[in-house]
C-alpha atoms as a PDB file:
ATOM      1  CA  MET A   1       1.872 143.464 176.248  1.00  0.00           C
ATOM      2  CA  LYS A   2       3.205 140.779 173.905  1.00  0.00           C
ATOM      3  CA  LYS A   3      -0.094 138.833 174.187  1.00  0.00           C
ATOM      4  CA  LYS A   4      -2.064 141.941 173.257  1.00  0.00           C
ATOM      5  CA  ILE A   5       0.064 142.550 170.145  1.00  0.00           C
ATOM      6  CA  ILE A   6      -0.320 138.911 169.080  1.00  0.00           C
ATOM      7  CA  SER A   7      -4.086 138.923 169.682  1.00  0.00           C
ATOM      8  CA  ASN A   8      -4.444 142.188 167.706  1.00  0.00           C
ATOM      9  CA  PHE A   9      -2.404 140.700 164.870  1.00  0.00           C
ATOM     10  CA  VAL A  10      -4.554 137.548 164.825  1.00  0.00           C
ATOM     11  CA  LEU A  11      -7.710 139.675 164.872  1.00  0.00           C
ATOM     12  CA  LEU A  12      -6.400 141.738 161.948  1.00  0.00           C
ATOM     13  CA  LEU A  13      -5.632 138.575 159.963  1.00  0.00           C
ATOM     14  CA  LEU A  14      -9.111 137.198 160.634  1.00  0.00           C
ATOM     15  CA  CYS A  15     -10.712 140.445 159.500  1.00  0.00           C
ATOM     16  CA  MET A  16      -8.695 140.385 156.283  1.00  0.00           C
ATOM     17  CA  LEU A  17      -9.679 136.785 155.584  1.00  0.00           C
ATOM     18  CA  LEU A  18     -13.362 137.445 156.186  1.00  0.00           C
ATOM     19  CA  MET A  19     -13.569 140.607 154.070  1.00  0.00           C
ATOM     20  CA  PRO A  20     -15.837 140.243 151.040  1.00  0.00           C
ATOM     21  CA  VAL A  21     -14.174 139.723 147.679  1.00  0.00           C
ATOM     22  CA  HIS A  22     -14.705 142.576 145.229  1.00  0.00           C
ATOM     23  CA  ALA A  23     -17.187 141.866 142.439  1.00  0.00           C
ATOM     24  CA  GLU A  24     -14.527 142.667 139.834  1.00  0.00           C
ATOM     25  CA  THR A  25     -12.650 139.489 140.672  1.00  0.00           C
ATOM     26  CA  ALA A  26     -15.707 137.243 140.390  1.00  0.00           C
ATOM     27  CA  ASP A  27     -16.260 135.123 137.296  1.00  0.00           C
ATOM     28  CA  PRO A  28     -19.199 136.090 135.083  1.00  0.00           C
ATOM     29  CA  VAL A  29     -22.420 134.236 135.879  1.00  0.00           C
ATOM     30  CA  PRO A  30     -23.358 131.984 132.939  1.00  0.00           C
ATOM     31  CA  PHE A  31     -26.926 131.970 131.584  1.00  0.00           C
ATOM     32  CA  VAL A  32     -28.440 130.069 128.689  1.00  0.00           C
ATOM     33  CA  MET A  33     -31.577 131.232 126.899  1.00  0.00           C
ATOM     34  CA  GLN A  34     -33.607 128.762 124.856  1.00  0.00           C
ATOM     35  CA  LEU A  35     -35.463 130.010 121.785  1.00  0.00           C
ATOM     36  CA  THR A  36     -37.907 127.422 120.463  1.00  0.00           C
ATOM     37  CA  ARG A  37     -41.128 129.341 119.878  1.00  0.00           C
ATOM     38  CA  SER A  38     -42.119 131.340 116.834  1.00  0.00           C
ATOM     39  CA  GLY A  39     -41.354 135.016 116.532  1.00  0.00           C
ATOM     40  CA  ASP A  40     -45.047 135.938 116.459  1.00  0.00           C
ATOM     41  CA  ASN A  41     -45.820 139.279 118.072  1.00  0.00           C
ATOM     42  CA  TYR A  42     -42.081 140.142 117.961  1.00  0.00           C
ATOM     43  CA  GLY A  43     -41.270 137.462 120.546  1.00  0.00           C
ATOM     44  CA  HIS A  44     -37.706 136.958 119.313  1.00  0.00           C
ATOM     45  CA  ARG A  45     -37.051 140.691 119.198  1.00  0.00           C
ATOM     46  CA  ARG A  46     -38.387 141.090 122.733  1.00  0.00           C
ATOM     47  CA  ALA A  47     -36.111 138.289 123.948  1.00  0.00           C
ATOM     48  CA  PHE A  48     -33.065 139.988 122.413  1.00  0.00           C
ATOM     49  CA  MET A  49     -34.129 143.320 123.910  1.00  0.00           C
ATOM     50  CA  GLN A  50     -34.385 141.640 127.335  1.00  0.00           C
ATOM     51  CA  ILE A  51     -30.791 140.463 126.980  1.00  0.00           C
ATOM     52  CA  ASP A  52     -29.683 143.980 126.039  1.00  0.00           C
ATOM     53  CA  LYS A  53     -31.462 145.457 129.067  1.00  0.00           C
ATOM     54  CA  VAL A  54     -29.976 142.876 131.442  1.00  0.00           C
ATOM     55  CA  LEU A  55     -26.476 143.566 130.104  1.00  0.00           C
ATOM     56  CA  ASN A  56     -27.048 147.304 130.605  1.00  0.00           C
ATOM     57  CA  ASP A  57     -28.303 146.868 134.160  1.00  0.00           C
ATOM     58  CA  LEU A  58     -25.947 144.156 135.426  1.00  0.00           C
ATOM     59  CA  GLY A  59     -22.871 144.740 133.291  1.00  0.00           C
ATOM     60  CA  GLU A  60     -21.385 142.747 130.441  1.00  0.00           C
ATOM     61  CA  LYS A  61     -18.411 141.609 132.513  1.00  0.00           C
ATOM     62  CA  ASN A  62     -20.723 140.096 135.147  1.00  0.00           C
ATOM     63  CA  LEU A  63     -22.647 137.832 132.755  1.00  0.00           C
ATOM     64  CA  LYS A  64     -21.945 135.179 130.157  1.00  0.00           C
ATOM     65  CA  ILE A  65     -25.025 134.611 127.995  1.00  0.00           C
ATOM     66  CA  GLU A  66     -25.567 131.948 125.352  1.00  0.00           C
ATOM     67  CA  VAL A  67     -28.693 131.725 123.201  1.00  0.00           C
ATOM     68  CA  VAL A  68     -29.566 128.304 121.778  1.00  0.00           C
ATOM     69  CA  ALA A  69     -32.153 128.404 118.992  1.00  0.00           C
ATOM     70  CA  TYR A  70     -33.995 125.399 117.623  1.00  0.00           C
ATOM     71  CA  GLU A  71     -37.436 124.397 116.359  1.00  0.00           C
ATOM     72  CA  ASP A  72     -39.276 127.625 115.390  1.00  0.00           C
ATOM     73  CA  GLY A  73     -36.755 129.711 117.316  1.00  0.00           C
ATOM     74  CA  ILE A  74     -34.122 129.064 114.654  1.00  0.00           C
ATOM     75  CA  HIS A  75     -35.633 131.898 112.609  1.00  0.00           C
ATOM     76  CA  ALA A  76     -34.498 134.453 115.203  1.00  0.00           C
ATOM     77  CA  LEU A  77     -30.905 133.901 114.079  1.00  0.00           C
ATOM     78  CA  LEU A  78     -31.415 134.308 110.340  1.00  0.00           C
ATOM     79  CA  GLU A  79     -29.419 137.029 108.642  1.00  0.00           C
ATOM     80  CA  ASN A  80     -32.491 138.303 106.773  1.00  0.00           C
ATOM     81  CA  ASN A  81     -34.669 138.534 109.902  1.00  0.00           C
ATOM     82  CA  GLU A  82     -35.495 142.254 109.953  1.00  0.00           C
ATOM     83  CA  ALA A  83     -36.769 142.110 113.558  1.00  0.00           C
ATOM     84  CA  THR A  84     -33.611 140.612 115.059  1.00  0.00           C
ATOM     85  CA  SER A  85     -30.567 140.803 112.767  1.00  0.00           C
ATOM     86  CA  GLN A  86     -29.269 144.177 114.009  1.00  0.00           C
ATOM     87  CA  LEU A  87     -29.885 143.240 117.639  1.00  0.00           C
ATOM     88  CA  LEU A  88     -28.105 139.919 117.146  1.00  0.00           C
ATOM     89  CA  THR A  89     -25.009 141.712 115.853  1.00  0.00           C
ATOM     90  CA  LYS A  90     -25.128 144.251 118.678  1.00  0.00           C
ATOM     91  CA  LEU A  91     -25.474 141.535 121.323  1.00  0.00           C
ATOM     92  CA  ALA A  92     -22.721 139.410 119.773  1.00  0.00           C
ATOM     93  CA  ASN A  93     -20.444 142.458 119.995  1.00  0.00           C
ATOM     94  CA  ARG A  94     -21.348 142.647 123.685  1.00  0.00           C
ATOM     95  CA  GLY A  95     -20.242 139.041 124.238  1.00  0.00           C
ATOM     96  CA  VAL A  96     -23.474 137.076 123.762  1.00  0.00           C
ATOM     97  CA  THR A  97     -23.024 133.723 121.996  1.00  0.00           C
ATOM     98  CA  PHE A  98     -25.669 132.523 119.533  1.00  0.00           C
ATOM     99  CA  LYS A  99     -26.021 128.840 118.579  1.00  0.00           C
ATOM    100  CA  ALA A 100     -28.198 127.341 115.856  1.00  0.00           C
ATOM    101  CA  CYS A 101     -29.363 123.719 115.878  1.00  0.00           C
ATOM    102  CA  ARG A 102     -28.387 121.759 112.756  1.00  0.00           C
ATOM    103  CA  ILE A 103     -31.425 119.441 113.104  1.00  0.00           C
ATOM    104  CA  SER A 104     -33.751 122.452 112.935  1.00  0.00           C
ATOM    105  CA  MET A 105     -31.742 123.891 110.067  1.00  0.00           C
ATOM    106  CA  ARG A 106     -32.303 120.699 108.059  1.00  0.00           C
ATOM    107  CA  ALA A 107     -35.999 120.625 108.992  1.00  0.00           C
ATOM    108  CA  TRP A 108     -36.472 124.196 107.699  1.00  0.00           C
ATOM    109  CA  GLY A 109     -34.170 123.775 104.704  1.00  0.00           C
ATOM    110  CA  LEU A 110     -31.658 126.320 106.026  1.00  0.00           C
ATOM    111  CA  LYS A 111     -27.919 126.472 105.347  1.00  0.00           C
ATOM    112  CA  GLU A 112     -25.024 128.060 107.236  1.00  0.00           C
ATOM    113  CA  GLU A 113     -24.994 130.829 104.615  1.00  0.00           C
ATOM    114  CA  ASP A 114     -28.473 131.893 105.803  1.00  0.00           C
ATOM    115  CA  PHE A 115     -26.997 132.995 109.145  1.00  0.00           C
ATOM    116  CA  PRO A 116     -24.656 135.863 110.025  1.00  0.00           C
ATOM    117  CA  LEU A 117     -21.046 135.121 110.926  1.00  0.00           C
ATOM    118  CA  GLU A 118     -21.805 135.640 114.637  1.00  0.00           C
ATOM    119  CA  VAL A 119     -23.849 132.417 114.794  1.00  0.00           C
ATOM    120  CA  GLU A 120     -22.247 129.129 115.819  1.00  0.00           C
ATOM    121  CA  PHE A 121     -23.718 125.752 114.913  1.00  0.00           C
ATOM    122  CA  VAL A 122     -24.413 122.786 117.188  1.00  0.00           C
ATOM    123  CA  PRO A 123     -25.563 119.285 116.198  1.00  0.00           C
ATOM    124  CA  ALA A 124     -28.776 119.503 118.261  1.00  0.00           C
ATOM    125  CA  GLY A 125     -30.361 122.242 120.364  1.00  0.00           C
ATOM    126  CA  ALA A 126     -31.923 120.297 123.249  1.00  0.00           C
ATOM    127  CA  PRO A 127     -28.746 118.384 124.166  1.00  0.00           C
ATOM    128  CA  GLU A 128     -26.801 121.659 123.983  1.00  0.00           C
ATOM    129  CA  MET A 129     -29.229 123.202 126.485  1.00  0.00           C
ATOM    130  CA  ILE A 130     -28.766 120.281 128.867  1.00  0.00           C
ATOM    131  CA  ARG A 131     -24.986 120.207 128.410  1.00  0.00           C
ATOM    132  CA  LEU A 132     -24.679 123.896 129.276  1.00  0.00           C
ATOM    133  CA  GLN A 133     -26.856 123.502 132.357  1.00  0.00           C
ATOM    134  CA  MET A 134     -24.738 120.548 133.456  1.00  0.00           C
ATOM    135  CA  GLN A 135     -21.745 122.893 133.174  1.00  0.00           C
ATOM    136  CA  GLY A 136     -23.397 125.333 135.590  1.00  0.00           C
ATOM    137  CA  TYR A 137     -25.309 127.630 133.251  1.00  0.00           C
ATOM    138  CA  LYS A 138     -28.555 128.954 134.696  1.00  0.00           C
ATOM    139  CA  TYR A 139     -31.659 128.588 132.549  1.00  0.00           C
ATOM    140  CA  TRP A 140     -33.258 131.853 131.418  1.00  0.00           C
ATOM    141  CA  ARG A 141     -36.643 131.676 129.752  1.00  0.00           C
ATOM    142  CA  PRO A 142     -37.561 134.738 127.672  1.00  0.00           C
END
């Protein structure tokens, strides 16, 4: 009888240890999106709309998204960009981080004042992309 109680207890402990962890306790999965192309044919707007859709479908608390813009993609983050400025603000309020490359800013003659407050600035876009991926971010191409 004592052996049966002990074996049942051990079995119960094993079952508890092997139970799946609830998704609520998991850390958000980090993704980084690179914007380097022009916004022709509303490409930047479509990329931001993809992010919005993914957040709706998978949940804001399950994802950590950073957008790094450089080369032609830097224009997606401009405050006066009618195609993206409202979406940028909406996505920033949902937890998306936006980063602008200072090298591209200099190349296009842009200043920090040309960007909304939600945008952060990094010295260079390509190294930032690599750094984030080295930290475990998954690459997402729009």
